[in-house]
Amino acid sequence: KKLSEKGQVIEKPLDVIKDPYILEFLGL
């Protein structure tokens, strides 16, 4: 819910983790 109110807030290590990361721009 906070994502819709404040966007992505970086306060702890887990906040920067995505699963999965999407690397389609690599062209592989």
mmCIF file of all heavy atoms, coordinates in Angstrom:
data_MODEL
# 
_entry.id   MODEL 
# 
loop_
_atom_site.group_PDB 
_atom_site.id 
_atom_site.type_symbol 
_atom_site.label_atom_id 
_atom_site.label_alt_id 
_atom_site.label_comp_id 
_atom_site.label_asym_id 
_atom_site.label_entity_id 
_atom_site.label_seq_id 
_atom_site.pdbx_PDB_ins_code 
_atom_site.Cartn_x 
_atom_site.Cartn_y 
_atom_site.Cartn_z 
_atom_site.occupancy 
_atom_site.B_iso_or_equiv 
_atom_site.pdbx_formal_charge 
_atom_site.auth_seq_id 
_atom_site.auth_comp_id 
_atom_site.auth_asym_id 
_atom_site.auth_atom_id 
_atom_site.pdbx_PDB_model_num 
ATOM 1   N N   . LYS A 1 1  ? 0.833  -1.204  0.000   1.00 0.00 ? 1  LYS A N   1 
ATOM 2   C CA  . LYS A 1 1  ? 0.000  0.000   0.000   1.00 0.00 ? 1  LYS A CA  1 
ATOM 3   C C   . LYS A 1 1  ? 0.867  1.253   0.000   1.00 0.00 ? 1  LYS A C   1 
ATOM 4   O O   . LYS A 1 1  ? 0.552  2.250   -0.659  1.00 0.00 ? 1  LYS A O   1 
ATOM 5   C CB  . LYS A 1 1  ? -0.940 -0.014  1.207   1.00 0.00 ? 1  LYS A CB  1 
ATOM 6   C CG  . LYS A 1 1  ? -1.952 1.129   1.214   1.00 0.00 ? 1  LYS A CG  1 
ATOM 7   C CD  . LYS A 1 1  ? -2.892 1.041   0.024   1.00 0.00 ? 1  LYS A CD  1 
ATOM 8   C CE  . LYS A 1 1  ? -3.912 2.173   0.030   1.00 0.00 ? 1  LYS A CE  1 
ATOM 9   N NZ  . LYS A 1 1  ? -4.752 2.141   -1.194  1.00 0.00 ? 1  LYS A NZ  1 
ATOM 10  N N   . LYS A 1 2  ? 1.976  1.211   0.719   1.00 0.00 ? 2  LYS A N   1 
ATOM 11  C CA  . LYS A 1 2  ? 2.876  2.364   0.784   1.00 0.00 ? 2  LYS A CA  1 
ATOM 12  C C   . LYS A 1 2  ? 3.474  2.698   -0.585  1.00 0.00 ? 2  LYS A C   1 
ATOM 13  O O   . LYS A 1 2  ? 3.809  3.849   -0.856  1.00 0.00 ? 2  LYS A O   1 
ATOM 14  C CB  . LYS A 1 2  ? 3.999  2.100   1.795   1.00 0.00 ? 2  LYS A CB  1 
ATOM 15  C CG  . LYS A 1 2  ? 3.538  2.151   3.247   1.00 0.00 ? 2  LYS A CG  1 
ATOM 16  C CD  . LYS A 1 2  ? 4.712  1.901   4.187   1.00 0.00 ? 2  LYS A CD  1 
ATOM 17  C CE  . LYS A 1 2  ? 4.251  1.907   5.643   1.00 0.00 ? 2  LYS A CE  1 
ATOM 18  N NZ  . LYS A 1 2  ? 5.388  1.614   6.553   1.00 0.00 ? 2  LYS A NZ  1 
ATOM 19  N N   . LEU A 1 3  ? 3.634  1.663   -1.440  1.00 0.00 ? 3  LEU A N   1 
ATOM 20  C CA  . LEU A 1 3  ? 4.160  1.907   -2.778  1.00 0.00 ? 3  LEU A CA  1 
ATOM 21  C C   . LEU A 1 3  ? 3.280  2.895   -3.536  1.00 0.00 ? 3  LEU A C   1 
ATOM 22  O O   . LEU A 1 3  ? 3.767  3.735   -4.290  1.00 0.00 ? 3  LEU A O   1 
ATOM 23  C CB  . LEU A 1 3  ? 4.263  0.593   -3.569  1.00 0.00 ? 3  LEU A CB  1 
ATOM 24  C CG  . LEU A 1 3  ? 5.395  -0.359  -3.222  1.00 0.00 ? 3  LEU A CG  1 
ATOM 25  C CD1 . LEU A 1 3  ? 5.251  -1.641  -4.027  1.00 0.00 ? 3  LEU A CD1 1 
ATOM 26  C CD2 . LEU A 1 3  ? 6.748  0.275   -3.472  1.00 0.00 ? 3  LEU A CD2 1 
ATOM 27  N N   . SER A 1 4  ? 1.969  2.779   -3.351  1.00 0.00 ? 4  SER A N   1 
ATOM 28  C CA  . SER A 1 4  ? 1.038  3.659   -4.059  1.00 0.00 ? 4  SER A CA  1 
ATOM 29  C C   . SER A 1 4  ? 0.959  5.040   -3.429  1.00 0.00 ? 4  SER A C   1 
ATOM 30  O O   . SER A 1 4  ? 0.468  5.985   -4.053  1.00 0.00 ? 4  SER A O   1 
ATOM 31  C CB  . SER A 1 4  ? -0.364 3.030   -4.077  1.00 0.00 ? 4  SER A CB  1 
ATOM 32  O OG  . SER A 1 4  ? -0.905 2.984   -2.772  1.00 0.00 ? 4  SER A OG  1 
ATOM 33  N N   . GLU A 1 5  ? 1.444  5.168   -2.199  1.00 0.00 ? 5  GLU A N   1 
ATOM 34  C CA  . GLU A 1 5  ? 1.371  6.454   -1.503  1.00 0.00 ? 5  GLU A CA  1 
ATOM 35  C C   . GLU A 1 5  ? 2.678  7.238   -1.575  1.00 0.00 ? 5  GLU A C   1 
ATOM 36  O O   . GLU A 1 5  ? 2.669  8.459   -1.632  1.00 0.00 ? 5  GLU A O   1 
ATOM 37  C CB  . GLU A 1 5  ? 1.002  6.213   -0.035  1.00 0.00 ? 5  GLU A CB  1 
ATOM 38  C CG  . GLU A 1 5  ? -0.375 5.568   0.143   1.00 0.00 ? 5  GLU A CG  1 
ATOM 39  C CD  . GLU A 1 5  ? -0.617 5.099   1.559   1.00 0.00 ? 5  GLU A CD  1 
ATOM 40  O OE1 . GLU A 1 5  ? 0.365  5.080   2.342   1.00 0.00 ? 5  GLU A OE1 1 
ATOM 41  O OE2 . GLU A 1 5  ? -1.761 4.760   1.890   1.00 0.00 ? 5  GLU A OE2 1 
ATOM 42  N N   . LYS A 1 6  ? 3.812  6.506   -1.596  1.00 0.00 ? 6  LYS A N   1 
ATOM 43  C CA  . LYS A 1 6  ? 5.111  7.179   -1.550  1.00 0.00 ? 6  LYS A CA  1 
ATOM 44  C C   . LYS A 1 6  ? 6.063  6.755   -2.665  1.00 0.00 ? 6  LYS A C   1 
ATOM 45  O O   . LYS A 1 6  ? 7.135  7.333   -2.811  1.00 0.00 ? 6  LYS A O   1 
ATOM 46  C CB  . LYS A 1 6  ? 5.782  6.905   -0.197  1.00 0.00 ? 6  LYS A CB  1 
ATOM 47  C CG  . LYS A 1 6  ? 4.993  7.419   0.997   1.00 0.00 ? 6  LYS A CG  1 
ATOM 48  C CD  . LYS A 1 6  ? 5.714  7.110   2.296   1.00 0.00 ? 6  LYS A CD  1 
ATOM 49  C CE  . LYS A 1 6  ? 4.929  7.623   3.498   1.00 0.00 ? 6  LYS A CE  1 
ATOM 50  N NZ  . LYS A 1 6  ? 5.626  7.322   4.779   1.00 0.00 ? 6  LYS A NZ  1 
ATOM 51  N N   . GLY A 1 7  ? 5.685  5.721   -3.437  1.00 0.00 ? 7  GLY A N   1 
ATOM 52  C CA  . GLY A 1 7  ? 6.615  5.186   -4.420  1.00 0.00 ? 7  GLY A CA  1 
ATOM 53  C C   . GLY A 1 7  ? 7.627  4.280   -3.743  1.00 0.00 ? 7  GLY A C   1 
ATOM 54  O O   . GLY A 1 7  ? 7.408  3.814   -2.620  1.00 0.00 ? 7  GLY A O   1 
ATOM 55  N N   . GLN A 1 8  ? 8.744  4.030   -4.399  1.00 0.00 ? 8  GLN A N   1 
ATOM 56  C CA  . GLN A 1 8  ? 9.769  3.158   -3.830  1.00 0.00 ? 8  GLN A CA  1 
ATOM 57  C C   . GLN A 1 8  ? 10.622 3.946   -2.840  1.00 0.00 ? 8  GLN A C   1 
ATOM 58  O O   . GLN A 1 8  ? 11.286 4.912   -3.197  1.00 0.00 ? 8  GLN A O   1 
ATOM 59  C CB  . GLN A 1 8  ? 10.666 2.578   -4.932  1.00 0.00 ? 8  GLN A CB  1 
ATOM 60  C CG  . GLN A 1 8  ? 11.676 1.561   -4.410  1.00 0.00 ? 8  GLN A CG  1 
ATOM 61  C CD  . GLN A 1 8  ? 12.609 1.051   -5.490  1.00 0.00 ? 8  GLN A CD  1 
ATOM 62  O OE1 . GLN A 1 8  ? 12.645 1.596   -6.589  1.00 0.00 ? 8  GLN A OE1 1 
ATOM 63  N NE2 . GLN A 1 8  ? 13.370 0.023   -5.181  1.00 0.00 ? 8  GLN A NE2 1 
ATOM 64  N N   . VAL A 1 9  ? 10.586 3.525   -1.576  1.00 0.00 ? 9  VAL A N   1 
ATOM 65  C CA  . VAL A 1 9  ? 11.376 4.171   -0.534  1.00 0.00 ? 9  VAL A CA  1 
ATOM 66  C C   . VAL A 1 9  ? 12.506 3.230   -0.131  1.00 0.00 ? 9  VAL A C   1 
ATOM 67  O O   . VAL A 1 9  ? 12.267 2.064   0.196   1.00 0.00 ? 9  VAL A O   1 
ATOM 68  C CB  . VAL A 1 9  ? 10.512 4.505   0.701   1.00 0.00 ? 9  VAL A CB  1 
ATOM 69  C CG1 . VAL A 1 9  ? 11.362 5.144   1.794   1.00 0.00 ? 9  VAL A CG1 1 
ATOM 70  C CG2 . VAL A 1 9  ? 9.366  5.429   0.299   1.00 0.00 ? 9  VAL A CG2 1 
ATOM 71  N N   . ILE A 1 10 ? 13.750 3.722   -0.176  1.00 0.00 ? 10 ILE A N   1 
ATOM 72  C CA  . ILE A 1 10 ? 14.920 2.902   0.142   1.00 0.00 ? 10 ILE A CA  1 
ATOM 73  C C   . ILE A 1 10 ? 15.343 3.172   1.579   1.00 0.00 ? 10 ILE A C   1 
ATOM 74  O O   . ILE A 1 10 ? 15.901 4.218   1.898   1.00 0.00 ? 10 ILE A O   1 
ATOM 75  C CB  . ILE A 1 10 ? 16.096 3.211   -0.807  1.00 0.00 ? 10 ILE A CB  1 
ATOM 76  C CG1 . ILE A 1 10 ? 15.653 3.127   -2.271  1.00 0.00 ? 10 ILE A CG1 1 
ATOM 77  C CG2 . ILE A 1 10 ? 17.262 2.282   -0.543  1.00 0.00 ? 10 ILE A CG2 1 
ATOM 78  C CD1 . ILE A 1 10 ? 15.189 1.766   -2.700  1.00 0.00 ? 10 ILE A CD1 1 
ATOM 79  N N   . GLU A 1 11 ? 15.058 2.226   2.464   1.00 0.00 ? 11 GLU A N   1 
ATOM 80  C CA  . GLU A 1 11 ? 15.412 2.371   3.879   1.00 0.00 ? 11 GLU A CA  1 
ATOM 81  C C   . GLU A 1 11 ? 16.233 1.198   4.400   1.00 0.00 ? 11 GLU A C   1 
ATOM 82  O O   . GLU A 1 11 ? 16.981 1.343   5.363   1.00 0.00 ? 11 GLU A O   1 
ATOM 83  C CB  . GLU A 1 11 ? 14.144 2.513   4.728   1.00 0.00 ? 11 GLU A CB  1 
ATOM 84  C CG  . GLU A 1 11 ? 13.348 3.775   4.431   1.00 0.00 ? 11 GLU A CG  1 
ATOM 85  C CD  . GLU A 1 11 ? 12.068 3.862   5.237   1.00 0.00 ? 11 GLU A CD  1 
ATOM 86  O OE1 . GLU A 1 11 ? 11.501 2.802   5.594   1.00 0.00 ? 11 GLU A OE1 1 
ATOM 87  O OE2 . GLU A 1 11 ? 11.634 4.991   5.508   1.00 0.00 ? 11 GLU A OE2 1 
ATOM 88  N N   . LYS A 1 12 ? 16.081 0.038   3.777   1.00 0.00 ? 12 LYS A N   1 
ATOM 89  C CA  . LYS A 1 12 ? 16.797 -1.160  4.229   1.00 0.00 ? 12 LYS A CA  1 
ATOM 90  C C   . LYS A 1 12 ? 17.203 -1.968  2.993   1.00 0.00 ? 12 LYS A C   1 
ATOM 91  O O   . LYS A 1 12 ? 16.669 -1.764  1.897   1.00 0.00 ? 12 LYS A O   1 
ATOM 92  C CB  . LYS A 1 12 ? 15.915 -1.986  5.161   1.00 0.00 ? 12 LYS A CB  1 
ATOM 93  C CG  . LYS A 1 12 ? 14.578 -2.392  4.572   1.00 0.00 ? 12 LYS A CG  1 
ATOM 94  C CD  . LYS A 1 12 ? 13.734 -3.096  5.631   1.00 0.00 ? 12 LYS A CD  1 
ATOM 95  C CE  . LYS A 1 12 ? 12.403 -3.586  5.047   1.00 0.00 ? 12 LYS A CE  1 
ATOM 96  N NZ  . LYS A 1 12 ? 11.564 -2.480  4.539   1.00 0.00 ? 12 LYS A NZ  1 
ATOM 97  N N   . PRO A 1 13 ? 18.174 -2.886  3.130   1.00 0.00 ? 13 PRO A N   1 
ATOM 98  C CA  . PRO A 1 13 ? 18.669 -3.641  1.977   1.00 0.00 ? 13 PRO A CA  1 
ATOM 99  C C   . PRO A 1 13 ? 17.585 -4.306  1.135   1.00 0.00 ? 13 PRO A C   1 
ATOM 100 O O   . PRO A 1 13 ? 17.652 -4.282  -0.094  1.00 0.00 ? 13 PRO A O   1 
ATOM 101 C CB  . PRO A 1 13 ? 19.593 -4.687  2.625   1.00 0.00 ? 13 PRO A CB  1 
ATOM 102 C CG  . PRO A 1 13 ? 20.096 -4.011  3.849   1.00 0.00 ? 13 PRO A CG  1 
ATOM 103 C CD  . PRO A 1 13 ? 18.944 -3.185  4.353   1.00 0.00 ? 13 PRO A CD  1 
ATOM 104 N N   . LEU A 1 14 ? 16.576 -4.878  1.792   1.00 0.00 ? 14 LEU A N   1 
ATOM 105 C CA  . LEU A 1 14 ? 15.531 -5.590  1.055   1.00 0.00 ? 14 LEU A CA  1 
ATOM 106 C C   . LEU A 1 14 ? 14.776 -4.661  0.104   1.00 0.00 ? 14 LEU A C   1 
ATOM 107 O O   . LEU A 1 14 ? 14.206 -5.115  -0.894  1.00 0.00 ? 14 LEU A O   1 
ATOM 108 C CB  . LEU A 1 14 ? 14.559 -6.247  2.037   1.00 0.00 ? 14 LEU A CB  1 
ATOM 109 C CG  . LEU A 1 14 ? 13.564 -7.258  1.438   1.00 0.00 ? 14 LEU A CG  1 
ATOM 110 C CD1 . LEU A 1 14 ? 14.305 -8.415  0.763   1.00 0.00 ? 14 LEU A CD1 1 
ATOM 111 C CD2 . LEU A 1 14 ? 12.628 -7.790  2.517   1.00 0.00 ? 14 LEU A CD2 1 
ATOM 112 N N   . ASP A 1 15 ? 14.782 -3.354  0.381   1.00 0.00 ? 15 ASP A N   1 
ATOM 113 C CA  . ASP A 1 15 ? 14.037 -2.401  -0.447  1.00 0.00 ? 15 ASP A CA  1 
ATOM 114 C C   . ASP A 1 15 ? 14.606 -2.273  -1.860  1.00 0.00 ? 15 ASP A C   1 
ATOM 115 O O   . ASP A 1 15 ? 13.915 -1.797  -2.760  1.00 0.00 ? 15 ASP A O   1 
ATOM 116 C CB  . ASP A 1 15 ? 14.024 -1.015  0.217   1.00 0.00 ? 15 ASP A CB  1 
ATOM 117 C CG  . ASP A 1 15 ? 13.191 -0.990  1.486   1.00 0.00 ? 15 ASP A CG  1 
ATOM 118 O OD1 . ASP A 1 15 ? 12.273 -1.832  1.610   1.00 0.00 ? 15 ASP A OD1 1 
ATOM 119 O OD2 . ASP A 1 15 ? 13.456 -0.148  2.362   1.00 0.00 ? 15 ASP A OD2 1 
ATOM 120 N N   . VAL A 1 16 ? 15.869 -2.644  -2.049  1.00 0.00 ? 16 VAL A N   1 
ATOM 121 C CA  . VAL A 1 16 ? 16.466 -2.505  -3.390  1.00 0.00 ? 16 VAL A CA  1 
ATOM 122 C C   . VAL A 1 16 ? 16.396 -3.805  -4.193  1.00 0.00 ? 16 VAL A C   1 
ATOM 123 O O   . VAL A 1 16 ? 16.787 -3.842  -5.354  1.00 0.00 ? 16 VAL A O   1 
ATOM 124 C CB  . VAL A 1 16 ? 17.942 -2.038  -3.317  1.00 0.00 ? 16 VAL A CB  1 
ATOM 125 C CG1 . VAL A 1 16 ? 18.051 -0.704  -2.608  1.00 0.00 ? 16 VAL A CG1 1 
ATOM 126 C CG2 . VAL A 1 16 ? 18.827 -3.097  -2.664  1.00 0.00 ? 16 VAL A CG2 1 
ATOM 127 N N   . ILE A 1 17 ? 15.904 -4.880  -3.565  1.00 0.00 ? 17 ILE A N   1 
ATOM 128 C CA  . ILE A 1 17 ? 15.899 -6.184  -4.219  1.00 0.00 ? 17 ILE A CA  1 
ATOM 129 C C   . ILE A 1 17 ? 14.647 -6.370  -5.057  1.00 0.00 ? 17 ILE A C   1 
ATOM 130 O O   . ILE A 1 17 ? 13.539 -6.123  -4.611  1.00 0.00 ? 17 ILE A O   1 
ATOM 131 C CB  . ILE A 1 17 ? 16.005 -7.328  -3.183  1.00 0.00 ? 17 ILE A CB  1 
ATOM 132 C CG1 . ILE A 1 17 ? 17.280 -7.166  -2.348  1.00 0.00 ? 17 ILE A CG1 1 
ATOM 133 C CG2 . ILE A 1 17 ? 15.993 -8.685  -3.877  1.00 0.00 ? 17 ILE A CG2 1 
ATOM 134 C CD1 . ILE A 1 17 ? 18.559 -7.192  -3.141  1.00 0.00 ? 17 ILE A CD1 1 
ATOM 135 N N   . LYS A 1 18 ? 14.847 -6.840  -6.305  1.00 0.00 ? 18 LYS A N   1 
ATOM 136 C CA  . LYS A 1 18 ? 13.726 -7.241  -7.153  1.00 0.00 ? 18 LYS A CA  1 
ATOM 137 C C   . LYS A 1 18 ? 13.919 -8.724  -7.487  1.00 0.00 ? 18 LYS A C   1 
ATOM 138 O O   . LYS A 1 18 ? 15.044 -9.211  -7.548  1.00 0.00 ? 18 LYS A O   1 
ATOM 139 C CB  . LYS A 1 18 ? 13.710 -6.440  -8.458  1.00 0.00 ? 18 LYS A CB  1 
ATOM 140 C CG  . LYS A 1 18 ? 13.626 -4.948  -8.289  1.00 0.00 ? 18 LYS A CG  1 
ATOM 141 C CD  . LYS A 1 18 ? 13.455 -4.287  -9.660  1.00 0.00 ? 18 LYS A CD  1 
ATOM 142 C CE  . LYS A 1 18 ? 13.474 -2.779  -9.533  1.00 0.00 ? 18 LYS A CE  1 
ATOM 143 N NZ  . LYS A 1 18 ? 14.788 -2.215  -9.798  1.00 0.00 ? 18 LYS A NZ  1 
ATOM 144 N N   . ASP A 1 19 ? 12.827 -9.403  -7.695  1.00 0.00 ? 19 ASP A N   1 
ATOM 145 C CA  . ASP A 1 19 ? 12.918 -10.815 -8.076  1.00 0.00 ? 19 ASP A CA  1 
ATOM 146 C C   . ASP A 1 19 ? 11.763 -11.145 -9.019  1.00 0.00 ? 19 ASP A C   1 
ATOM 147 O O   . ASP A 1 19 ? 10.624 -11.285 -8.579  1.00 0.00 ? 19 ASP A O   1 
ATOM 148 C CB  . ASP A 1 19 ? 12.859 -11.704 -6.838  1.00 0.00 ? 19 ASP A CB  1 
ATOM 149 C CG  . ASP A 1 19 ? 13.323 -13.139 -7.114  1.00 0.00 ? 19 ASP A CG  1 
ATOM 150 O OD1 . ASP A 1 19 ? 13.759 -13.390 -8.262  1.00 0.00 ? 19 ASP A OD1 1 
ATOM 151 O OD2 . ASP A 1 19 ? 13.254 -13.975 -6.208  1.00 0.00 ? 19 ASP A OD2 1 
ATOM 152 N N   . PRO A 1 20 ? 12.006 -11.224 -10.319 1.00 0.00 ? 20 PRO A N   1 
ATOM 153 C CA  . PRO A 1 20 ? 13.315 -11.194 -10.968 1.00 0.00 ? 20 PRO A CA  1 
ATOM 154 C C   . PRO A 1 20 ? 13.736 -9.793  -11.413 1.00 0.00 ? 20 PRO A C   1 
ATOM 155 O O   . PRO A 1 20 ? 12.938 -8.866  -11.408 1.00 0.00 ? 20 PRO A O   1 
ATOM 156 C CB  . PRO A 1 20 ? 13.078 -12.072 -12.203 1.00 0.00 ? 20 PRO A CB  1 
ATOM 157 C CG  . PRO A 1 20 ? 11.657 -11.750 -12.576 1.00 0.00 ? 20 PRO A CG  1 
ATOM 158 C CD  . PRO A 1 20 ? 10.925 -11.590 -11.271 1.00 0.00 ? 20 PRO A CD  1 
ATOM 159 N N   . TYR A 1 21 ? 15.014 -9.682  -11.794 1.00 0.00 ? 21 TYR A N   1 
ATOM 160 C CA  . TYR A 1 21 ? 15.489 -8.523  -12.536 1.00 0.00 ? 21 TYR A CA  1 
ATOM 161 C C   . TYR A 1 21 ? 15.246 -8.807  -14.013 1.00 0.00 ? 21 TYR A C   1 
ATOM 162 O O   . TYR A 1 21 ? 15.443 -9.937  -14.473 1.00 0.00 ? 21 TYR A O   1 
ATOM 163 C CB  . TYR A 1 21 ? 16.981 -8.285  -12.293 1.00 0.00 ? 21 TYR A CB  1 
ATOM 164 C CG  . TYR A 1 21 ? 17.287 -7.691  -10.940 1.00 0.00 ? 21 TYR A CG  1 
ATOM 165 C CD1 . TYR A 1 21 ? 17.448 -8.504  -9.816  1.00 0.00 ? 21 TYR A CD1 1 
ATOM 166 C CD2 . TYR A 1 21 ? 17.404 -6.318  -10.780 1.00 0.00 ? 21 TYR A CD2 1 
ATOM 167 C CE1 . TYR A 1 21 ? 17.717 -7.966  -8.564  1.00 0.00 ? 21 TYR A CE1 1 
ATOM 168 C CE2 . TYR A 1 21 ? 17.676 -5.764  -9.534  1.00 0.00 ? 21 TYR A CE2 1 
ATOM 169 C CZ  . TYR A 1 21 ? 17.832 -6.590  -8.428  1.00 0.00 ? 21 TYR A CZ  1 
ATOM 170 O OH  . TYR A 1 21 ? 18.085 -6.051  -7.199  1.00 0.00 ? 21 TYR A OH  1 
ATOM 171 N N   . ILE A 1 22 ? 14.824 -7.793  -14.752 1.00 0.00 ? 22 ILE A N   1 
ATOM 172 C CA  . ILE A 1 22 ? 14.535 -7.986  -16.179 1.00 0.00 ? 22 ILE A CA  1 
ATOM 173 C C   . ILE A 1 22 ? 15.619 -7.312  -17.011 1.00 0.00 ? 22 ILE A C   1 
ATOM 174 O O   . ILE A 1 22 ? 15.798 -6.092  -16.961 1.00 0.00 ? 22 ILE A O   1 
ATOM 175 C CB  . ILE A 1 22 ? 13.151 -7.402  -16.548 1.00 0.00 ? 22 ILE A CB  1 
ATOM 176 C CG1 . ILE A 1 22 ? 12.087 -7.968  -15.605 1.00 0.00 ? 22 ILE A CG1 1 
ATOM 177 C CG2 . ILE A 1 22 ? 12.810 -7.738  -17.999 1.00 0.00 ? 22 ILE A CG2 1 
ATOM 178 C CD1 . ILE A 1 22 ? 11.956 -9.473  -15.628 1.00 0.00 ? 22 ILE A CD1 1 
ATOM 179 N N   . LEU A 1 23 ? 16.348 -8.116  -17.781 1.00 0.00 ? 23 LEU A N   1 
ATOM 180 C CA  . LEU A 1 23 ? 17.491 -7.623  -18.557 1.00 0.00 ? 23 LEU A CA  1 
ATOM 181 C C   . LEU A 1 23 ? 17.251 -7.777  -20.054 1.00 0.00 ? 23 LEU A C   1 
ATOM 182 O O   . LEU A 1 23 ? 18.148 -8.151  -20.801 1.00 0.00 ? 23 LEU A O   1 
ATOM 183 C CB  . LEU A 1 23 ? 18.762 -8.375  -18.141 1.00 0.00 ? 23 LEU A CB  1 
ATOM 184 C CG  . LEU A 1 23 ? 19.059 -8.447  -16.632 1.00 0.00 ? 23 LEU A CG  1 
ATOM 185 C CD1 . LEU A 1 23 ? 20.361 -9.199  -16.386 1.00 0.00 ? 23 LEU A CD1 1 
ATOM 186 C CD2 . LEU A 1 23 ? 19.117 -7.057  -16.015 1.00 0.00 ? 23 LEU A CD2 1 
ATOM 187 N N   . GLU A 1 24 ? 16.036 -7.462  -20.484 1.00 0.00 ? 24 GLU A N   1 
ATOM 188 C CA  . GLU A 1 24 ? 15.705 -7.632  -21.897 1.00 0.00 ? 24 GLU A CA  1 
ATOM 189 C C   . GLU A 1 24 ? 16.522 -6.705  -22.788 1.00 0.00 ? 24 GLU A C   1 
ATOM 190 O O   . GLU A 1 24 ? 16.756 -6.979  -23.971 1.00 0.00 ? 24 GLU A O   1 
ATOM 191 C CB  . GLU A 1 24 ? 14.200 -7.425  -22.122 1.00 0.00 ? 24 GLU A CB  1 
ATOM 192 C CG  . GLU A 1 24 ? 13.737 -6.027  -22.457 1.00 0.00 ? 24 GLU A CG  1 
ATOM 193 C CD  . GLU A 1 24 ? 13.886 -5.043  -21.302 1.00 0.00 ? 24 GLU A CD  1 
ATOM 194 O OE1 . GLU A 1 24 ? 14.150 -5.454  -20.164 1.00 0.00 ? 24 GLU A OE1 1 
ATOM 195 O OE2 . GLU A 1 24 ? 13.739 -3.838  -21.548 1.00 0.00 ? 24 GLU A OE2 1 
ATOM 196 N N   . PHE A 1 25 ? 17.009 -5.585  -22.234 1.00 0.00 ? 25 PHE A N   1 
ATOM 197 C CA  . PHE A 1 25 ? 17.779 -4.613  -23.017 1.00 0.00 ? 25 PHE A CA  1 
ATOM 198 C C   . PHE A 1 25 ? 19.158 -5.140  -23.420 1.00 0.00 ? 25 PHE A C   1 
ATOM 199 O O   . PHE A 1 25 ? 19.838 -4.550  -24.249 1.00 0.00 ? 25 PHE A O   1 
ATOM 200 C CB  . PHE A 1 25 ? 17.933 -3.309  -22.228 1.00 0.00 ? 25 PHE A CB  1 
ATOM 201 C CG  . PHE A 1 25 ? 18.431 -3.502  -20.819 1.00 0.00 ? 25 PHE A CG  1 
ATOM 202 C CD1 . PHE A 1 25 ? 19.782 -3.652  -20.548 1.00 0.00 ? 25 PHE A CD1 1 
ATOM 203 C CD2 . PHE A 1 25 ? 17.538 -3.551  -19.763 1.00 0.00 ? 25 PHE A CD2 1 
ATOM 204 C CE1 . PHE A 1 25 ? 20.237 -3.841  -19.256 1.00 0.00 ? 25 PHE A CE1 1 
ATOM 205 C CE2 . PHE A 1 25 ? 17.977 -3.733  -18.452 1.00 0.00 ? 25 PHE A CE2 1 
ATOM 206 C CZ  . PHE A 1 25 ? 19.330 -3.876  -18.197 1.00 0.00 ? 25 PHE A CZ  1 
ATOM 207 N N   . LEU A 1 26 ? 19.589 -6.269  -22.829 1.00 0.00 ? 26 LEU A N   1 
ATOM 208 C CA  . LEU A 1 26 ? 20.878 -6.855  -23.203 1.00 0.00 ? 26 LEU A CA  1 
ATOM 209 C C   . LEU A 1 26 ? 20.835 -7.503  -24.579 1.00 0.00 ? 26 LEU A C   1 
ATOM 210 O O   . LEU A 1 26 ? 21.874 -7.744  -25.194 1.00 0.00 ? 26 LEU A O   1 
ATOM 211 C CB  . LEU A 1 26 ? 21.312 -7.899  -22.169 1.00 0.00 ? 26 LEU A CB  1 
ATOM 212 C CG  . LEU A 1 26 ? 21.491 -7.411  -20.719 1.00 0.00 ? 26 LEU A CG  1 
ATOM 213 C CD1 . LEU A 1 26 ? 21.972 -8.557  -19.842 1.00 0.00 ? 26 LEU A CD1 1 
ATOM 214 C CD2 . LEU A 1 26 ? 22.447 -6.244  -20.661 1.00 0.00 ? 26 LEU A CD2 1 
ATOM 215 N N   . GLY A 1 27 ? 19.629 -7.818  -25.047 1.00 0.00 ? 27 GLY A N   1 
ATOM 216 C CA  . GLY A 1 27 ? 19.499 -8.428  -26.366 1.00 0.00 ? 27 GLY A CA  1 
ATOM 217 C C   . GLY A 1 27 ? 19.907 -9.886  -26.402 1.00 0.00 ? 27 GLY A C   1 
ATOM 218 O O   . GLY A 1 27 ? 20.246 -10.419 -27.455 1.00 0.00 ? 27 GLY A O   1 
ATOM 219 N N   . LEU A 1 28 ? 19.872 -10.564 -25.257 1.00 0.00 ? 28 LEU A N   1 
ATOM 220 C CA  . LEU A 1 28 ? 20.220 -11.988 -25.190 1.00 0.00 ? 28 LEU A CA  1 
ATOM 221 C C   . LEU A 1 28 ? 18.950 -12.829 -25.265 1.00 0.00 ? 28 LEU A C   1 
ATOM 222 O O   . LEU A 1 28 ? 18.128 -12.778 -24.348 1.00 0.00 ? 28 LEU A O   1 
ATOM 223 C CB  . LEU A 1 28 ? 20.960 -12.300 -23.881 1.00 0.00 ? 28 LEU A CB  1 
ATOM 224 C CG  . LEU A 1 28 ? 22.355 -11.711 -23.712 1.00 0.00 ? 28 LEU A CG  1 
ATOM 225 C CD1 . LEU A 1 28 ? 22.828 -11.884 -22.276 1.00 0.00 ? 28 LEU A CD1 1 
ATOM 226 C CD2 . LEU A 1 28 ? 23.337 -12.364 -24.674 1.00 0.00 ? 28 LEU A CD2 1 
# 
